[in-house]
């Protein structure tokens, strides 16, 4: 099958690191933008990239929520927001 060699050469730790990074206890997904028009979503992403905003694009998720007759397809752009780290102790230096 095409691409099988590449999959075999990838280190097995990459998916595990990604799963740990985006685990539910590590933070939450915050919705940046949601629309039912794919061209609006594309324009929003282009505008974000053009502005040079400080977004970590490896922590962005683009979801397509498939609709049916009663509910149209929705496009959602989410950013992973990590939980704040533990507060530093007052006596520790």
PDB file of N, CA and C in Angstrom:
ATOM      1  N   UNK A   1       0.830  -1.184   0.000  1.00  0.00           N
ATOM      2  CA  UNK A   1       0.000   0.000   0.000  1.00  0.00           C
ATOM      3  C   UNK A   1       0.877   1.250   0.000  1.00  0.00           C
ATOM      4  N   UNK A   2       0.460   2.306  -0.661  1.00  0.00           N
ATOM      5  CA  UNK A   2       1.233   3.537  -0.670  1.00  0.00           C
ATOM      6  C   UNK A   2       1.293   4.167   0.724  1.00  0.00           C
ATOM      7  N   UNK A   3       2.468   4.673   1.069  1.00  0.00           N
ATOM      8  CA  UNK A   3       2.628   5.367   2.328  1.00  0.00           C
ATOM      9  C   UNK A   3       2.887   4.476   3.527  1.00  0.00           C
ATOM     10  N   UNK A   4       2.877   3.174   3.340  1.00  0.00           N
ATOM     11  CA  UNK A   4       3.042   2.267   4.471  1.00  0.00           C
ATOM     12  C   UNK A   4       4.457   2.350   5.043  1.00  0.00           C
ATOM     13  N   UNK A   5       5.437   2.494   4.190  1.00  0.00           N
ATOM     14  CA  UNK A   5       6.821   2.584   4.650  1.00  0.00           C
ATOM     15  C   UNK A   5       7.005   3.798   5.563  1.00  0.00           C
ATOM     16  N   UNK A   6       6.409   4.924   5.184  1.00  0.00           N
ATOM     17  CA  UNK A   6       6.534   6.138   5.979  1.00  0.00           C
ATOM     18  C   UNK A   6       5.910   5.926   7.362  1.00  0.00           C
ATOM     19  N   UNK A   7       4.740   5.290   7.422  1.00  0.00           N
ATOM     20  CA  UNK A   7       4.101   5.041   8.705  1.00  0.00           C
ATOM     21  C   UNK A   7       4.955   4.149   9.582  1.00  0.00           C
ATOM     22  N   UNK A   8       5.621   3.189   9.008  1.00  0.00           N
ATOM     23  CA  UNK A   8       6.465   2.286   9.787  1.00  0.00           C
ATOM     24  C   UNK A   8       7.676   3.005  10.361  1.00  0.00           C
ATOM     25  N   UNK A   9       8.200   4.011   9.648  1.00  0.00           N
ATOM     26  CA  UNK A   9       9.394   4.718  10.094  1.00  0.00           C
ATOM     27  C   UNK A   9       9.104   5.776  11.147  1.00  0.00           C
ATOM     28  N   UNK A  10       7.866   6.171  11.308  1.00  0.00           N
ATOM     29  CA  UNK A  10       7.536   7.190  12.293  1.00  0.00           C
ATOM     30  C   UNK A  10       7.724   6.622  13.698  1.00  0.00           C
ATOM     31  N   UNK A  11       8.294   7.414  14.584  1.00  0.00           N
ATOM     32  CA  UNK A  11       8.466   6.921  15.955  1.00  0.00           C
ATOM     33  C   UNK A  11       7.111   6.719  16.623  1.00  0.00           C
ATOM     34  N   UNK A  12       6.963   5.651  17.363  1.00  0.00           N
ATOM     35  CA  UNK A  12       5.662   5.371  17.983  1.00  0.00           C
ATOM     36  C   UNK A  12       5.297   6.336  19.100  1.00  0.00           C
ATOM     37  N   UNK A  13       6.233   7.149  19.566  1.00  0.00           N
ATOM     38  CA  UNK A  13       5.948   8.052  20.677  1.00  0.00           C
ATOM     39  C   UNK A  13       5.169   9.300  20.269  1.00  0.00           C
ATOM     40  N   UNK A  14       5.158   9.655  18.978  1.00  0.00           N
ATOM     41  CA  UNK A  14       4.472  10.882  18.545  1.00  0.00           C
ATOM     42  C   UNK A  14       2.993  10.894  18.901  1.00  0.00           C
ATOM     43  N   UNK A  15       2.218   9.858  18.578  1.00  0.00           N
ATOM     44  CA  UNK A  15       0.795   9.903  18.953  1.00  0.00           C
ATOM     45  C   UNK A  15       0.596   9.940  20.469  1.00  0.00           C
ATOM     46  N   UNK A  16       1.467   9.267  21.200  1.00  0.00           N
ATOM     47  CA  UNK A  16       1.355   9.241  22.650  1.00  0.00           C
ATOM     48  C   UNK A  16       1.619  10.633  23.224  1.00  0.00           C
ATOM     49  N   UNK A  17       2.621  11.337  22.711  1.00  0.00           N
ATOM     50  CA  UNK A  17       2.927  12.683  23.193  1.00  0.00           C
ATOM     51  C   UNK A  17       1.781  13.630  22.893  1.00  0.00           C
ATOM     52  N   UNK A  18       1.193  13.496  21.719  1.00  0.00           N
ATOM     53  CA  UNK A  18       0.069  14.345  21.347  1.00  0.00           C
ATOM     54  C   UNK A  18      -1.129  14.064  22.246  1.00  0.00           C
ATOM     55  N   UNK A  19      -1.370  12.789  22.534  1.00  0.00           N
ATOM     56  CA  UNK A  19      -2.491  12.425  23.403  1.00  0.00           C
ATOM     57  C   UNK A  19      -2.284  12.976  24.811  1.00  0.00           C
ATOM     58  N   UNK A  20      -1.054  12.945  25.302  1.00  0.00           N
ATOM     59  CA  UNK A  20      -0.771  13.484  26.634  1.00  0.00           C
ATOM     60  C   UNK A  20      -0.913  15.004  26.644  1.00  0.00           C
ATOM     61  N   UNK A  21      -0.472  15.640  25.569  1.00  0.00           N
ATOM     62  CA  UNK A  21      -0.524  17.102  25.494  1.00  0.00           C
ATOM     63  C   UNK A  21      -1.953  17.621  25.487  1.00  0.00           C
ATOM     64  N   UNK A  22      -2.850  16.914  24.800  1.00  0.00           N
ATOM     65  CA  UNK A  22      -4.229  17.362  24.657  1.00  0.00           C
ATOM     66  C   UNK A  22      -5.199  16.542  25.514  1.00  0.00           C
ATOM     67  N   UNK A  23      -4.722  15.935  26.573  1.00  0.00           N
ATOM     68  CA  UNK A  23      -5.568  15.154  27.471  1.00  0.00           C
ATOM     69  C   UNK A  23      -6.556  16.076  28.185  1.00  0.00           C
ATOM     70  N   UNK A  24      -7.724  15.551  28.555  1.00  0.00           N
ATOM     71  CA  UNK A  24      -8.720  16.398  29.224  1.00  0.00           C
ATOM     72  C   UNK A  24      -8.219  17.051  30.509  1.00  0.00           C
ATOM     73  N   UNK A  25      -7.349  16.365  31.262  1.00  0.00           N
ATOM     74  CA  UNK A  25      -6.853  16.970  32.497  1.00  0.00           C
ATOM     75  C   UNK A  25      -5.763  18.014  32.244  1.00  0.00           C
ATOM     76  N   UNK A  26      -5.248  18.078  31.005  1.00  0.00           N
ATOM     77  CA  UNK A  26      -4.206  19.051  30.668  1.00  0.00           C
ATOM     78  C   UNK A  26      -4.771  20.409  30.266  1.00  0.00           C
ATOM     79  N   UNK A  27      -6.050  20.456  29.906  1.00  0.00           N
ATOM     80  CA  UNK A  27      -6.645  21.720  29.483  1.00  0.00           C
ATOM     81  C   UNK A  27      -8.001  21.495  28.847  1.00  0.00           C
ATOM     82  N   UNK A  28      -8.430  22.483  28.054  1.00  0.00           N
ATOM     83  CA  UNK A  28      -9.747  22.389  27.401  1.00  0.00           C
ATOM     84  C   UNK A  28      -9.664  22.984  26.005  1.00  0.00           C
ATOM     85  N   UNK A  29     -10.636  22.648  25.164  1.00  0.00           N
ATOM     86  CA  UNK A  29     -10.727  23.190  23.812  1.00  0.00           C
ATOM     87  C   UNK A  29     -11.676  24.381  23.849  1.00  0.00           C
ATOM     88  N   UNK A  30     -11.179  25.533  23.429  1.00  0.00           N
ATOM     89  CA  UNK A  30     -11.966  26.754  23.395  1.00  0.00           C
ATOM     90  C   UNK A  30     -12.334  27.058  21.943  1.00  0.00           C
ATOM     91  N   UNK A  31     -13.611  27.255  21.670  1.00  0.00           N
ATOM     92  CA  UNK A  31     -14.088  27.523  20.310  1.00  0.00           C
ATOM     93  C   UNK A  31     -13.744  28.961  19.935  1.00  0.00           C
ATOM     94  N   UNK A  32     -12.981  29.111  18.848  1.00  0.00           N
ATOM     95  CA  UNK A  32     -12.627  30.438  18.341  1.00  0.00           C
ATOM     96  C   UNK A  32     -13.657  30.954  17.350  1.00  0.00           C
ATOM     97  N   UNK A  33     -14.154  30.029  16.522  1.00  0.00           N
ATOM     98  CA  UNK A  33     -15.023  30.438  15.420  1.00  0.00           C
ATOM     99  C   UNK A  33     -15.907  29.263  15.034  1.00  0.00           C
ATOM    100  N   UNK A  34     -17.166  29.530  14.729  1.00  0.00           N
ATOM    101  CA  UNK A  34     -18.090  28.486  14.303  1.00  0.00           C
ATOM    102  C   UNK A  34     -19.024  29.071  13.249  1.00  0.00           C
ATOM    103  N   UNK A  35     -19.196  28.331  12.162  1.00  0.00           N
ATOM    104  CA  UNK A  35     -20.050  28.799  11.078  1.00  0.00           C
ATOM    105  C   UNK A  35     -20.628  27.607  10.321  1.00  0.00           C
ATOM    106  N   UNK A  36     -21.596  27.884   9.466  1.00  0.00           N
ATOM    107  CA  UNK A  36     -22.155  26.854   8.601  1.00  0.00           C
ATOM    108  C   UNK A  36     -21.716  27.060   7.158  1.00  0.00           C
ATOM    109  N   UNK A  37     -20.866  28.041   6.933  1.00  0.00           N
ATOM    110  CA  UNK A  37     -20.379  28.349   5.592  1.00  0.00           C
ATOM    111  C   UNK A  37     -18.874  28.098   5.536  1.00  0.00           C
ATOM    112  N   UNK A  38     -18.453  27.155   4.687  1.00  0.00           N
ATOM    113  CA  UNK A  38     -17.042  26.782   4.610  1.00  0.00           C
ATOM    114  C   UNK A  38     -16.179  27.941   4.120  1.00  0.00           C
ATOM    115  N   UNK A  39     -16.695  28.787   3.265  1.00  0.00           N
ATOM    116  CA  UNK A  39     -15.907  29.917   2.773  1.00  0.00           C
ATOM    117  C   UNK A  39     -15.654  30.937   3.892  1.00  0.00           C
ATOM    118  N   UNK A  40     -16.592  31.097   4.824  1.00  0.00           N
ATOM    119  CA  UNK A  40     -16.380  31.979   5.971  1.00  0.00           C
ATOM    120  C   UNK A  40     -15.255  31.434   6.848  1.00  0.00           C
ATOM    121  N   UNK A  41     -15.250  30.121   7.056  1.00  0.00           N
ATOM    122  CA  UNK A  41     -14.196  29.519   7.874  1.00  0.00           C
ATOM    123  C   UNK A  41     -12.837  29.717   7.224  1.00  0.00           C
ATOM    124  N   UNK A  42     -12.744  29.482   5.926  1.00  0.00           N
ATOM    125  CA  UNK A  42     -11.480  29.675   5.210  1.00  0.00           C
ATOM    126  C   UNK A  42     -11.004  31.121   5.304  1.00  0.00           C
ATOM    127  N   UNK A  43     -11.917  32.066   5.149  1.00  0.00           N
ATOM    128  CA  UNK A  43     -11.567  33.484   5.234  1.00  0.00           C
ATOM    129  C   UNK A  43     -11.082  33.832   6.644  1.00  0.00           C
ATOM    130  N   UNK A  44     -11.712  33.273   7.663  1.00  0.00           N
ATOM    131  CA  UNK A  44     -11.310  33.537   9.040  1.00  0.00           C
ATOM    132  C   UNK A  44      -9.900  33.011   9.301  1.00  0.00           C
ATOM    133  N   UNK A  45      -9.606  31.800   8.837  1.00  0.00           N
ATOM    134  CA  UNK A  45      -8.273  31.212   9.027  1.00  0.00           C
ATOM    135  C   UNK A  45      -7.233  32.029   8.273  1.00  0.00           C
ATOM    136  N   UNK A  46      -7.547  32.419   7.032  1.00  0.00           N
ATOM    137  CA  UNK A  46      -6.615  33.258   6.266  1.00  0.00           C
ATOM    138  C   UNK A  46      -6.324  34.566   6.986  1.00  0.00           C
ATOM    139  N   UNK A  47      -7.368  35.183   7.546  1.00  0.00           N
ATOM    140  CA  UNK A  47      -7.209  36.446   8.253  1.00  0.00           C
ATOM    141  C   UNK A  47      -6.341  36.269   9.509  1.00  0.00           C
ATOM    142  N   UNK A  48      -6.540  35.173  10.242  1.00  0.00           N
ATOM    143  CA  UNK A  48      -5.713  34.897  11.418  1.00  0.00           C
ATOM    144  C   UNK A  48      -4.246  34.734  11.040  1.00  0.00           C
ATOM    145  N   UNK A  49      -3.999  34.004   9.966  1.00  0.00           N
ATOM    146  CA  UNK A  49      -2.617  33.785   9.534  1.00  0.00           C
ATOM    147  C   UNK A  49      -1.989  35.078   9.017  1.00  0.00           C
ATOM    148  N   UNK A  50      -2.763  35.908   8.331  1.00  0.00           N
ATOM    149  CA  UNK A  50      -2.243  37.160   7.783  1.00  0.00           C
ATOM    150  C   UNK A  50      -1.936  38.161   8.890  1.00  0.00           C
ATOM    151  N   UNK A  51      -2.736  38.163   9.951  1.00  0.00           N
ATOM    152  CA  UNK A  51      -2.523  39.088  11.058  1.00  0.00           C
ATOM    153  C   UNK A  51      -1.241  38.762  11.814  1.00  0.00           C
ATOM    154  N   UNK A  52      -0.771  37.538  11.680  1.00  0.00           N
ATOM    155  CA  UNK A  52       0.422  37.139  12.422  1.00  0.00           C
ATOM    156  C   UNK A  52       0.125  36.961  13.898  1.00  0.00           C
ATOM    157  N   UNK A  53      -1.094  36.524  14.198  1.00  0.00           N
ATOM    158  CA  UNK A  53      -1.461  36.342  15.603  1.00  0.00           C
ATOM    159  C   UNK A  53      -0.605  35.256  16.241  1.00  0.00           C
ATOM    160  N   UNK A  54      -0.497  35.331  17.532  1.00  0.00           N
ATOM    161  CA  UNK A  54       0.365  34.409  18.270  1.00  0.00           C
ATOM    162  C   UNK A  54      -0.379  33.129  18.623  1.00  0.00           C
ATOM    163  N   UNK A  55      -0.829  32.432  17.619  1.00  0.00           N
ATOM    164  CA  UNK A  55      -1.542  31.178  17.814  1.00  0.00           C
ATOM    165  C   UNK A  55      -0.595  30.030  17.514  1.00  0.00           C
ATOM    166  N   UNK A  56      -0.562  29.057  18.414  1.00  0.00           N
ATOM    167  CA  UNK A  56       0.208  27.841  18.184  1.00  0.00           C
ATOM    168  C   UNK A  56      -0.647  26.945  17.292  1.00  0.00           C
ATOM    169  N   UNK A  57      -0.331  26.916  16.007  1.00  0.00           N
ATOM    170  CA  UNK A  57      -1.160  26.191  15.039  1.00  0.00           C
ATOM    171  C   UNK A  57      -1.140  24.687  15.248  1.00  0.00           C
ATOM    172  N   UNK A  58      -0.182  24.177  16.024  1.00  0.00           N
ATOM    173  CA  UNK A  58      -0.195  22.749  16.326  1.00  0.00           C
ATOM    174  C   UNK A  58      -1.247  22.432  17.386  1.00  0.00           C
ATOM    175  N   UNK A  59      -1.790  23.468  18.048  1.00  0.00           N
ATOM    176  CA  UNK A  59      -2.814  23.282  19.067  1.00  0.00           C
ATOM    177  C   UNK A  59      -4.179  23.752  18.583  1.00  0.00           C
ATOM    178  N   UNK A  60      -4.361  23.825  17.276  1.00  0.00           N
ATOM    179  CA  UNK A  60      -5.645  24.231  16.698  1.00  0.00           C
ATOM    180  C   UNK A  60      -6.319  23.011  16.094  1.00  0.00           C
ATOM    181  N   UNK A  61      -7.615  22.932  16.295  1.00  0.00           N
ATOM    182  CA  UNK A  61      -8.393  21.816  15.759  1.00  0.00           C
ATOM    183  C   UNK A  61      -9.512  22.372  14.883  1.00  0.00           C
ATOM    184  N   UNK A  62      -9.640  21.828  13.670  1.00  0.00           N
ATOM    185  CA  UNK A  62     -10.716  22.217  12.765  1.00  0.00           C
ATOM    186  C   UNK A  62     -11.678  21.043  12.652  1.00  0.00           C
ATOM    187  N   UNK A  63     -12.876  21.226  13.154  1.00  0.00           N
ATOM    188  CA  UNK A  63     -13.887  20.171  13.149  1.00  0.00           C
ATOM    189  C   UNK A  63     -14.937  20.452  12.089  1.00  0.00           C
ATOM    190  N   UNK A  64     -15.414  19.377  11.487  1.00  0.00           N
ATOM    191  CA  UNK A  64     -16.546  19.442  10.575  1.00  0.00           C
ATOM    192  C   UNK A  64     -17.634  18.565  11.168  1.00  0.00           C
ATOM    193  N   UNK A  65     -18.678  19.185  11.679  1.00  0.00           N
ATOM    194  CA  UNK A  65     -19.776  18.447  12.270  1.00  0.00           C
ATOM    195  C   UNK A  65     -20.807  18.205  11.172  1.00  0.00           C
ATOM    196  N   UNK A  66     -20.835  16.981  10.684  1.00  0.00           N
ATOM    197  CA  UNK A  66     -21.673  16.652   9.538  1.00  0.00           C
ATOM    198  C   UNK A  66     -23.144  16.717   9.908  1.00  0.00           C
ATOM    199  N   UNK A  67     -23.893  17.381   9.070  1.00  0.00           N
ATOM    200  CA  UNK A  67     -25.306  17.545   9.307  1.00  0.00           C
ATOM    201  C   UNK A  67     -26.150  16.629   8.436  1.00  0.00           C
ATOM    202  N   UNK A  68     -27.423  16.719   8.626  1.00  0.00           N
ATOM    203  CA  UNK A  68     -28.397  15.972   7.832  1.00  0.00           C
ATOM    204  C   UNK A  68     -29.439  16.973   7.331  1.00  0.00           C
ATOM    205  N   UNK A  69     -30.573  16.489   6.967  1.00  0.00           N
ATOM    206  CA  UNK A  69     -31.598  17.368   6.410  1.00  0.00           C
ATOM    207  C   UNK A  69     -32.055  18.438   7.401  1.00  0.00           C
ATOM    208  N   UNK A  70     -32.262  18.063   8.653  1.00  0.00           N
ATOM    209  CA  UNK A  70     -32.771  19.025   9.634  1.00  0.00           C
ATOM    210  C   UNK A  70     -31.675  19.902  10.222  1.00  0.00           C
ATOM    211  N   UNK A  71     -30.446  19.394  10.269  1.00  0.00           N
ATOM    212  CA  UNK A  71     -29.346  20.148  10.879  1.00  0.00           C
ATOM    213  C   UNK A  71     -28.214  20.284   9.865  1.00  0.00           C
ATOM    214  N   UNK A  72     -27.878  21.503   9.456  1.00  0.00           N
ATOM    215  CA  UNK A  72     -26.826  21.688   8.445  1.00  0.00           C
ATOM    216  C   UNK A  72     -25.430  21.394   8.994  1.00  0.00           C
ATOM    217  N   UNK A  73     -24.484  21.206   8.089  1.00  0.00           N
ATOM    218  CA  UNK A  73     -23.097  20.971   8.457  1.00  0.00           C
ATOM    219  C   UNK A  73     -22.530  22.222   9.106  1.00  0.00           C
ATOM    220  N   UNK A  74     -21.786  22.023  10.194  1.00  0.00           N
ATOM    221  CA  UNK A  74     -21.190  23.127  10.934  1.00  0.00           C
ATOM    222  C   UNK A  74     -19.681  22.960  10.934  1.00  0.00           C
ATOM    223  N   UNK A  75     -18.972  24.057  10.763  1.00  0.00           N
ATOM    224  CA  UNK A  75     -17.511  24.065  10.773  1.00  0.00           C
ATOM    225  C   UNK A  75     -17.060  24.826  12.013  1.00  0.00           C
ATOM    226  N   UNK A  76     -16.160  24.208  12.788  1.00  0.00           N
ATOM    227  CA  UNK A  76     -15.730  24.792  14.055  1.00  0.00           C
ATOM    228  C   UNK A  76     -14.210  24.827  14.124  1.00  0.00           C
ATOM    229  N   UNK A  77     -13.677  25.953  14.581  1.00  0.00           N
ATOM    230  CA  UNK A  77     -12.246  26.134  14.778  1.00  0.00           C
ATOM    231  C   UNK A  77     -12.023  26.302  16.281  1.00  0.00           C
ATOM    232  N   UNK A  78     -11.221  25.395  16.869  1.00  0.00           N
ATOM    233  CA  UNK A  78     -10.997  25.408  18.314  1.00  0.00           C
ATOM    234  C   UNK A  78      -9.513  25.496  18.618  1.00  0.00           C
ATOM    235  N   UNK A  79      -9.192  26.100  19.746  1.00  0.00           N
ATOM    236  CA  UNK A  79      -7.818  26.246  20.209  1.00  0.00           C
ATOM    237  C   UNK A  79      -7.700  25.586  21.574  1.00  0.00           C
ATOM    238  N   UNK A  80      -6.636  24.794  21.775  1.00  0.00           N
ATOM    239  CA  UNK A  80      -6.424  24.133  23.052  1.00  0.00           C
ATOM    240  C   UNK A  80      -5.837  25.127  24.039  1.00  0.00           C
ATOM    241  N   UNK A  81      -6.496  25.272  25.178  1.00  0.00           N
ATOM    242  CA  UNK A  81      -6.053  26.185  26.232  1.00  0.00           C
ATOM    243  C   UNK A  81      -5.598  25.319  27.403  1.00  0.00           C
ATOM    244  N   UNK A  82      -4.281  25.281  27.690  1.00  0.00           N
ATOM    245  CA  UNK A  82      -3.804  24.449  28.794  1.00  0.00           C
ATOM    246  C   UNK A  82      -4.210  25.013  30.147  1.00  0.00           C
ATOM    247  N   UNK A  83      -4.370  24.106  31.107  1.00  0.00           N
ATOM    248  CA  UNK A  83      -4.647  24.531  32.478  1.00  0.00           C
ATOM    249  C   UNK A  83      -3.429  25.255  33.017  1.00  0.00           C
ATOM    250  N   UNK A  84      -3.650  26.242  33.873  1.00  0.00           N
ATOM    251  CA  UNK A  84      -2.488  26.927  34.463  1.00  0.00           C
ATOM    252  C   UNK A  84      -1.717  25.951  35.345  1.00  0.00           C
ATOM    253  N   UNK A  85      -0.421  26.127  35.387  1.00  0.00           N
ATOM    254  CA  UNK A  85       0.433  25.266  36.200  1.00  0.00           C
ATOM    255  C   UNK A  85       0.191  25.504  37.675  1.00  0.00           C
ATOM    256  N   UNK A  86       0.800  24.683  38.521  1.00  0.00           N
ATOM    257  CA  UNK A  86       0.624  24.884  39.963  1.00  0.00           C
ATOM    258  C   UNK A  86       1.235  26.213  40.399  1.00  0.00           C
ATOM    259  N   UNK A  87       0.587  26.838  41.345  1.00  0.00           N
ATOM    260  CA  UNK A  87       1.057  28.135  41.832  1.00  0.00           C
ATOM    261  C   UNK A  87       2.356  27.944  42.608  1.00  0.00           C
ATOM    262  N   UNK A  88       3.310  28.852  42.429  1.00  0.00           N
ATOM    263  CA  UNK A  88       4.577  28.726  43.172  1.00  0.00           C
ATOM    264  C   UNK A  88       4.339  28.951  44.657  1.00  0.00           C
ATOM    265  N   UNK A  89       5.049  28.201  45.461  1.00  0.00           N
ATOM    266  CA  UNK A  89       4.912  28.334  46.909  1.00  0.00           C
ATOM    267  C   UNK A  89       5.609  29.621  47.368  1.00  0.00           C
ATOM    268  N   UNK A  90       5.084  30.253  48.391  1.00  0.00           N
ATOM    269  CA  UNK A  90       5.644  31.522  48.859  1.00  0.00           C
ATOM    270  C   UNK A  90       7.015  31.348  49.497  1.00  0.00           C
ATOM    271  N   UNK A  91       7.231  30.256  50.231  1.00  0.00           N
ATOM    272  CA  UNK A  91       8.486  30.062  50.939  1.00  0.00           C
ATOM    273  C   UNK A  91       9.601  29.509  50.066  1.00  0.00           C
ATOM    274  N   UNK A  92       9.288  28.949  48.896  1.00  0.00           N
ATOM    275  CA  UNK A  92      10.312  28.330  48.044  1.00  0.00           C
ATOM    276  C   UNK A  92      11.077  29.399  47.270  1.00  0.00           C
ATOM    277  N   UNK A  93      12.407  29.275  47.256  1.00  0.00           N
ATOM    278  CA  UNK A  93      13.233  30.212  46.502  1.00  0.00           C
ATOM    279  C   UNK A  93      14.321  29.492  45.795  1.00  0.00           C
TER     280      UNK A  93
END
